[in-house]
Structure formats: C-alpha cells, structure tokens
C-alpha cells in the first residue's frame, strides 16, 4: 500500500478508524488494535490509549499470530465476562455498525460457535467466535490460520446475509483502493 494499512484513508477515515466506528455496539465491551511491524510509528499516529493497543512481537508469523496476541490480552482483561471476539482484519475496513449489529444478533439468537457475514453467497470478514473457540484459535496451525477453526466447525456456523460488499473487499493494494474512488 505504500504505507501501513492501519493509516490508509478511505472516505476520510483511516482503516482503523473505520473498524473502531463500526464496532461501537453496546454488547462489545473491549476493543483492541493489534500492532506488529512498525508498531512504534503506528502507536503514535493512531491516537489510541495504551489499554486499546496489543503488541504482537511475533507479527512475522502471520495474521494468526495477531489473533493469538489479542486473545492472550483478553484473557488478562476479565475473561470470565467475555463471551466471544470479533476478528476484524485491518485490510477489510468497509463494514458498518448495521452489519456488526446483525452479527451480534445472530450470536445472541443461536448457539453457533462462529458467526460469518455472507455476501452474494461468499463468506467474508469480520468473523465472530464464541469463547469456546479461543483454545482452538490458539492451537491452530500458523500456515492455515483461523480458517482451520472455521473448517473444523463448518456445521456450527451462523451465516449472516448482507448487502455489504465490504465483507469481501481485501484492501491490500493501491489498485483495489483506487477502484473505490
């Protein structure tokens, strides 16, 4: 992207600002931003409190290492009350509070272990995992990542239909971002 994805702007907000705005929901108590490569520079520019930031010292191992860093942080933050966790990849920022509310409703209305948005028949991001899935996320193979947990629990997934294409848009290169303009 030419700069850290967290700081890339679309529609006047950085990717992180989009995700933080979308995840403002009464059922979401703790929100964390996981930083890896270039963390010191990002930390200064994101204007977040220290409690909101999780450092992933193993970022070079891939995305699953960031999920695991976040889950370890949540364990220290009152794990007894935590029912689940949204995993919101920074390169999928174009989601809305409406989608988050629909996913929370599906989480509350079902016993599904995983809640996923579905756009035009395809599953996307963010993913909402019940706390019962945390141990499996911590043990998942790094080369497969969180997909291993999703695949292992294919019959325990609640799909949330959405008209938000953003659940599929992986904004990881300037060309994809330019198409939005």
C-alpha atoms as a PDB file:
ATOM      1  CA  UNK A   1       0.000   0.000   0.000  1.00  0.00           C
ATOM      2  CA  UNK A   2       2.989   2.310   0.329  1.00  0.00           C
ATOM      3  CA  UNK A   3       2.223   2.974   3.993  1.00  0.00           C
ATOM      4  CA  UNK A   4       0.874   0.966   6.926  1.00  0.00           C
ATOM      5  CA  UNK A   5      -2.643  -0.274   6.146  1.00  0.00           C
ATOM      6  CA  UNK A   6      -3.919   0.920   9.516  1.00  0.00           C
ATOM      7  CA  UNK A   7      -3.241   4.530   8.455  1.00  0.00           C
ATOM      8  CA  UNK A   8      -4.512   4.344   4.876  1.00  0.00           C
ATOM      9  CA  UNK A   9      -7.561   6.521   4.394  1.00  0.00           C
ATOM     10  CA  UNK A  10     -10.769   5.808   2.561  1.00  0.00           C
ATOM     11  CA  UNK A  11     -13.731   8.130   2.811  1.00  0.00           C
ATOM     12  CA  UNK A  12     -11.841  10.483   5.134  1.00  0.00           C
ATOM     13  CA  UNK A  13     -11.130   7.858   7.810  1.00  0.00           C
ATOM     14  CA  UNK A  14      -8.201   5.540   8.320  1.00  0.00           C
ATOM     15  CA  UNK A  15      -8.827   1.818   8.073  1.00  0.00           C
ATOM     16  CA  UNK A  16      -8.539   1.537  11.866  1.00  0.00           C
ATOM     17  CA  UNK A  17     -10.977   4.428  12.401  1.00  0.00           C
ATOM     18  CA  UNK A  18     -13.499   2.680  10.119  1.00  0.00           C
ATOM     19  CA  UNK A  19     -13.249  -0.527  12.137  1.00  0.00           C
ATOM     20  CA  UNK A  20     -13.432   1.217  15.503  1.00  0.00           C
ATOM     21  CA  UNK A  21     -16.510   3.160  14.380  1.00  0.00           C
ATOM     22  CA  UNK A  22     -18.218   0.027  13.036  1.00  0.00           C
ATOM     23  CA  UNK A  23     -17.633  -1.924  16.247  1.00  0.00           C
ATOM     24  CA  UNK A  24     -19.288   0.584  18.549  1.00  0.00           C
ATOM     25  CA  UNK A  25     -22.041  -1.610  19.949  1.00  0.00           C
ATOM     26  CA  UNK A  26     -23.443  -1.989  23.481  1.00  0.00           C
ATOM     27  CA  UNK A  27     -22.518  -5.706  23.527  1.00  0.00           C
ATOM     28  CA  UNK A  28     -18.889  -5.019  22.623  1.00  0.00           C
ATOM     29  CA  UNK A  29     -17.056  -4.121  25.793  1.00  0.00           C
ATOM     30  CA  UNK A  30     -13.373  -4.386  24.936  1.00  0.00           C
ATOM     31  CA  UNK A  31     -11.814  -3.335  21.651  1.00  0.00           C
ATOM     32  CA  UNK A  32      -8.180  -3.918  20.845  1.00  0.00           C
ATOM     33  CA  UNK A  33      -5.942  -2.928  17.945  1.00  0.00           C
ATOM     34  CA  UNK A  34      -3.083  -5.359  17.390  1.00  0.00           C
ATOM     35  CA  UNK A  35       0.144  -3.809  16.119  1.00  0.00           C
ATOM     36  CA  UNK A  36       3.103  -5.635  14.661  1.00  0.00           C
ATOM     37  CA  UNK A  37       5.556  -4.334  12.082  1.00  0.00           C
ATOM     38  CA  UNK A  38       6.260  -0.633  12.559  1.00  0.00           C
ATOM     39  CA  UNK A  39       4.328  -0.594  15.826  1.00  0.00           C
ATOM     40  CA  UNK A  40       6.153   2.366  17.369  1.00  0.00           C
ATOM     41  CA  UNK A  41       5.311   4.622  14.427  1.00  0.00           C
ATOM     42  CA  UNK A  42       1.710   3.410  14.308  1.00  0.00           C
ATOM     43  CA  UNK A  43       1.175   3.753  18.040  1.00  0.00           C
ATOM     44  CA  UNK A  44       1.970   7.479  17.869  1.00  0.00           C
ATOM     45  CA  UNK A  45      -0.267   8.121  14.871  1.00  0.00           C
ATOM     46  CA  UNK A  46      -3.327   6.104  15.895  1.00  0.00           C
ATOM     47  CA  UNK A  47      -4.152   8.204  18.955  1.00  0.00           C
ATOM     48  CA  UNK A  48      -5.338   5.238  20.986  1.00  0.00           C
ATOM     49  CA  UNK A  49      -4.942   4.630  24.674  1.00  0.00           C
ATOM     50  CA  UNK A  50      -2.359   2.123  25.832  1.00  0.00           C
ATOM     51  CA  UNK A  51      -5.117  -0.231  27.002  1.00  0.00           C
ATOM     52  CA  UNK A  52      -6.526  -0.397  23.462  1.00  0.00           C
ATOM     53  CA  UNK A  53      -3.251  -1.489  21.879  1.00  0.00           C
ATOM     54  CA  UNK A  54      -1.868  -5.011  21.857  1.00  0.00           C
ATOM     55  CA  UNK A  55       1.684  -5.558  20.683  1.00  0.00           C
ATOM     56  CA  UNK A  56       2.299  -8.628  18.543  1.00  0.00           C
ATOM     57  CA  UNK A  57       6.003  -9.364  18.837  1.00  0.00           C
ATOM     58  CA  UNK A  58       5.576 -12.376  16.509  1.00  0.00           C
ATOM     59  CA  UNK A  59       3.903 -10.494  13.651  1.00  0.00           C
ATOM     60  CA  UNK A  60       6.206 -12.064  11.061  1.00  0.00           C
ATOM     61  CA  UNK A  61       4.477 -15.426  11.707  1.00  0.00           C
ATOM     62  CA  UNK A  62       1.328 -14.115  10.016  1.00  0.00           C
ATOM     63  CA  UNK A  63      -2.218 -12.990  10.761  1.00  0.00           C
ATOM     64  CA  UNK A  64      -2.985 -15.808  13.188  1.00  0.00           C
ATOM     65  CA  UNK A  65      -0.234 -14.541  15.485  1.00  0.00           C
ATOM     66  CA  UNK A  66      -2.136 -11.239  15.784  1.00  0.00           C
ATOM     67  CA  UNK A  67      -5.353 -13.059  16.659  1.00  0.00           C
ATOM     68  CA  UNK A  68      -3.476 -15.025  19.281  1.00  0.00           C
ATOM     69  CA  UNK A  69      -1.903 -11.862  20.732  1.00  0.00           C
ATOM     70  CA  UNK A  70      -5.369 -10.318  21.041  1.00  0.00           C
ATOM     71  CA  UNK A  71      -6.805 -13.413  22.711  1.00  0.00           C
ATOM     72  CA  UNK A  72      -3.936 -13.536  25.216  1.00  0.00           C
ATOM     73  CA  UNK A  73      -4.655  -9.892  26.025  1.00  0.00           C
ATOM     74  CA  UNK A  74      -8.361 -10.597  26.518  1.00  0.00           C
ATOM     75  CA  UNK A  75      -7.519 -13.383  28.972  1.00  0.00           C
ATOM     76  CA  UNK A  76      -5.939 -10.775  31.228  1.00  0.00           C
ATOM     77  CA  UNK A  77      -8.873  -8.367  30.907  1.00  0.00           C
ATOM     78  CA  UNK A  78     -11.690 -10.112  32.737  1.00  0.00           C
ATOM     79  CA  UNK A  79     -12.012 -13.270  30.691  1.00  0.00           C
ATOM     80  CA  UNK A  80     -14.919 -14.502  32.815  1.00  0.00           C
ATOM     81  CA  UNK A  81     -17.278 -11.960  31.247  1.00  0.00           C
ATOM     82  CA  UNK A  82     -16.048 -12.362  27.676  1.00  0.00           C
ATOM     83  CA  UNK A  83     -18.479 -14.354  25.538  1.00  0.00           C
ATOM     84  CA  UNK A  84     -16.752 -14.041  22.195  1.00  0.00           C
ATOM     85  CA  UNK A  85     -14.486 -11.994  19.985  1.00  0.00           C
ATOM     86  CA  UNK A  86     -14.842 -10.249  16.659  1.00  0.00           C
ATOM     87  CA  UNK A  87     -11.790 -10.603  14.465  1.00  0.00           C
ATOM     88  CA  UNK A  88     -11.675  -7.589  12.148  1.00  0.00           C
ATOM     89  CA  UNK A  89      -8.728  -7.668   9.730  1.00  0.00           C
ATOM     90  CA  UNK A  90      -7.405  -4.168   9.082  1.00  0.00           C
ATOM     91  CA  UNK A  91      -7.497  -4.699   5.312  1.00  0.00           C
ATOM     92  CA  UNK A  92     -11.283  -5.293   5.424  1.00  0.00           C
ATOM     93  CA  UNK A  93     -12.354  -1.928   6.877  1.00  0.00           C
ATOM     94  CA  UNK A  94     -15.515  -1.275   4.888  1.00  0.00           C
ATOM     95  CA  UNK A  95     -18.077  -2.699   7.274  1.00  0.00           C
ATOM     96  CA  UNK A  96     -20.856  -0.909   9.123  1.00  0.00           C
ATOM     97  CA  UNK A  97     -22.446  -0.767  12.541  1.00  0.00           C
ATOM     98  CA  UNK A  98     -25.518  -2.349  10.921  1.00  0.00           C
ATOM     99  CA  UNK A  99     -23.521  -5.463   9.957  1.00  0.00           C
ATOM    100  CA  UNK A 100     -21.977  -5.679  13.417  1.00  0.00           C
ATOM    101  CA  UNK A 101     -25.447  -5.425  14.999  1.00  0.00           C
ATOM    102  CA  UNK A 102     -26.765  -8.185  12.711  1.00  0.00           C
ATOM    103  CA  UNK A 103     -23.832 -10.425  13.640  1.00  0.00           C
ATOM    104  CA  UNK A 104     -24.279  -9.764  17.360  1.00  0.00           C
ATOM    105  CA  UNK A 105     -27.986 -10.594  16.997  1.00  0.00           C
ATOM    106  CA  UNK A 106     -27.102 -13.903  15.288  1.00  0.00           C
ATOM    107  CA  UNK A 107     -24.584 -14.620  18.064  1.00  0.00           C
ATOM    108  CA  UNK A 108     -27.273 -13.992  20.704  1.00  0.00           C
ATOM    109  CA  UNK A 109     -30.070 -15.817  18.864  1.00  0.00           C
ATOM    110  CA  UNK A 110     -28.176 -19.015  18.019  1.00  0.00           C
ATOM    111  CA  UNK A 111     -25.771 -21.451  19.591  1.00  0.00           C
ATOM    112  CA  UNK A 112     -23.442 -21.182  16.591  1.00  0.00           C
ATOM    113  CA  UNK A 113     -19.782 -21.167  17.578  1.00  0.00           C
ATOM    114  CA  UNK A 114     -18.832 -18.901  14.678  1.00  0.00           C
ATOM    115  CA  UNK A 115     -20.760 -16.085  13.006  1.00  0.00           C
ATOM    116  CA  UNK A 116     -19.773 -15.001   9.495  1.00  0.00           C
ATOM    117  CA  UNK A 117     -21.179 -12.434   7.058  1.00  0.00           C
ATOM    118  CA  UNK A 118     -22.229 -13.745   3.636  1.00  0.00           C
ATOM    119  CA  UNK A 119     -22.342 -11.504   0.571  1.00  0.00           C
ATOM    120  CA  UNK A 120     -23.635 -12.974  -2.706  1.00  0.00           C
ATOM    121  CA  UNK A 121     -23.036 -16.492  -1.422  1.00  0.00           C
ATOM    122  CA  UNK A 122     -19.460 -15.840  -0.292  1.00  0.00           C
ATOM    123  CA  UNK A 123     -18.290 -15.641   3.306  1.00  0.00           C
ATOM    124  CA  UNK A 124     -16.225 -12.674   4.409  1.00  0.00           C
ATOM    125  CA  UNK A 125     -14.978 -10.639   7.358  1.00  0.00           C
ATOM    126  CA  UNK A 126     -15.265  -9.872  10.220  1.00  0.00           C
ATOM    127  CA  UNK A 127     -15.635 -13.208  11.996  1.00  0.00           C
ATOM    128  CA  UNK A 128     -17.235 -13.555  15.421  1.00  0.00           C
ATOM    129  CA  UNK A 129     -16.004 -16.502  17.504  1.00  0.00           C
ATOM    130  CA  UNK A 130     -17.528 -17.759  20.734  1.00  0.00           C
ATOM    131  CA  UNK A 131     -15.144 -18.029  23.652  1.00  0.00           C
ATOM    132  CA  UNK A 132     -15.275 -21.837  23.301  1.00  0.00           C
ATOM    133  CA  UNK A 133     -13.274 -21.416  20.069  1.00  0.00           C
ATOM    134  CA  UNK A 134     -10.414 -19.465  21.652  1.00  0.00           C
ATOM    135  CA  UNK A 135      -8.352 -22.538  22.592  1.00  0.00           C
ATOM    136  CA  UNK A 136      -8.601 -23.836  19.034  1.00  0.00           C
ATOM    137  CA  UNK A 137      -7.563 -20.462  17.640  1.00  0.00           C
ATOM    138  CA  UNK A 138      -4.562 -20.522  19.965  1.00  0.00           C
ATOM    139  CA  UNK A 139      -3.628 -24.017  18.715  1.00  0.00           C
ATOM    140  CA  UNK A 140      -4.390 -23.548  15.009  1.00  0.00           C
ATOM    141  CA  UNK A 141      -1.552 -24.146  12.547  1.00  0.00           C
ATOM    142  CA  UNK A 142       0.131 -20.892  11.552  1.00  0.00           C
ATOM    143  CA  UNK A 143       0.184 -21.809   7.862  1.00  0.00           C
ATOM    144  CA  UNK A 144      -3.612 -22.312   7.751  1.00  0.00           C
ATOM    145  CA  UNK A 145      -4.597 -19.776  10.380  1.00  0.00           C
ATOM    146  CA  UNK A 146      -8.085 -19.191  11.723  1.00  0.00           C
ATOM    147  CA  UNK A 147      -9.535 -20.892   8.630  1.00  0.00           C
ATOM    148  CA  UNK A 148      -8.618 -24.191  10.281  1.00  0.00           C
ATOM    149  CA  UNK A 149     -11.084 -23.463  13.083  1.00  0.00           C
ATOM    150  CA  UNK A 150     -13.798 -22.358  10.658  1.00  0.00           C
ATOM    151  CA  UNK A 151     -13.342 -25.536   8.612  1.00  0.00           C
ATOM    152  CA  UNK A 152     -13.379 -27.752  11.713  1.00  0.00           C
ATOM    153  CA  UNK A 153     -16.701 -26.246  12.800  1.00  0.00           C
ATOM    154  CA  UNK A 154     -18.466 -25.980   9.451  1.00  0.00           C
ATOM    155  CA  UNK A 155     -21.736 -27.229  10.952  1.00  0.00           C
ATOM    156  CA  UNK A 156     -21.580 -24.734  13.812  1.00  0.00           C
ATOM    157  CA  UNK A 157     -21.559 -21.538  11.754  1.00  0.00           C
ATOM    158  CA  UNK A 158     -24.296 -18.924  11.537  1.00  0.00           C
ATOM    159  CA  UNK A 159     -24.180 -17.101   8.220  1.00  0.00           C
ATOM    160  CA  UNK A 160     -25.465 -13.537   8.284  1.00  0.00           C
ATOM    161  CA  UNK A 161     -26.661 -12.406   4.851  1.00  0.00           C
ATOM    162  CA  UNK A 162     -25.551  -8.887   3.998  1.00  0.00           C
ATOM    163  CA  UNK A 163     -25.590  -6.498   1.080  1.00  0.00           C
ATOM    164  CA  UNK A 164     -22.248  -5.049   2.236  1.00  0.00           C
ATOM    165  CA  UNK A 165     -19.625  -5.908  -0.349  1.00  0.00           C
ATOM    166  CA  UNK A 166     -17.017  -4.623   2.095  1.00  0.00           C
ATOM    167  CA  UNK A 167     -17.036  -8.002   3.841  1.00  0.00           C
ATOM    168  CA  UNK A 168     -15.213  -9.382   0.793  1.00  0.00           C
ATOM    169  CA  UNK A 169     -13.068  -6.399  -0.185  1.00  0.00           C
ATOM    170  CA  UNK A 170      -9.484  -7.049   0.815  1.00  0.00           C
ATOM    171  CA  UNK A 171      -7.916  -3.605   0.514  1.00  0.00           C
ATOM    172  CA  UNK A 172      -4.339  -4.773   0.473  1.00  0.00           C
ATOM    173  CA  UNK A 173      -3.038  -2.953  -2.597  1.00  0.00           C
ATOM    174  CA  UNK A 174      -3.352   0.523  -4.159  1.00  0.00           C
ATOM    175  CA  UNK A 175      -5.225  -0.820  -7.203  1.00  0.00           C
ATOM    176  CA  UNK A 176      -8.104  -2.197  -5.126  1.00  0.00           C
ATOM    177  CA  UNK A 177      -8.267   1.032  -3.145  1.00  0.00           C
ATOM    178  CA  UNK A 178      -8.273   3.121  -6.344  1.00  0.00           C
ATOM    179  CA  UNK A 179     -11.307   1.230  -7.647  1.00  0.00           C
ATOM    180  CA  UNK A 180     -13.307   2.562  -4.691  1.00  0.00           C
ATOM    181  CA  UNK A 181     -12.660   6.182  -5.645  1.00  0.00           C
END
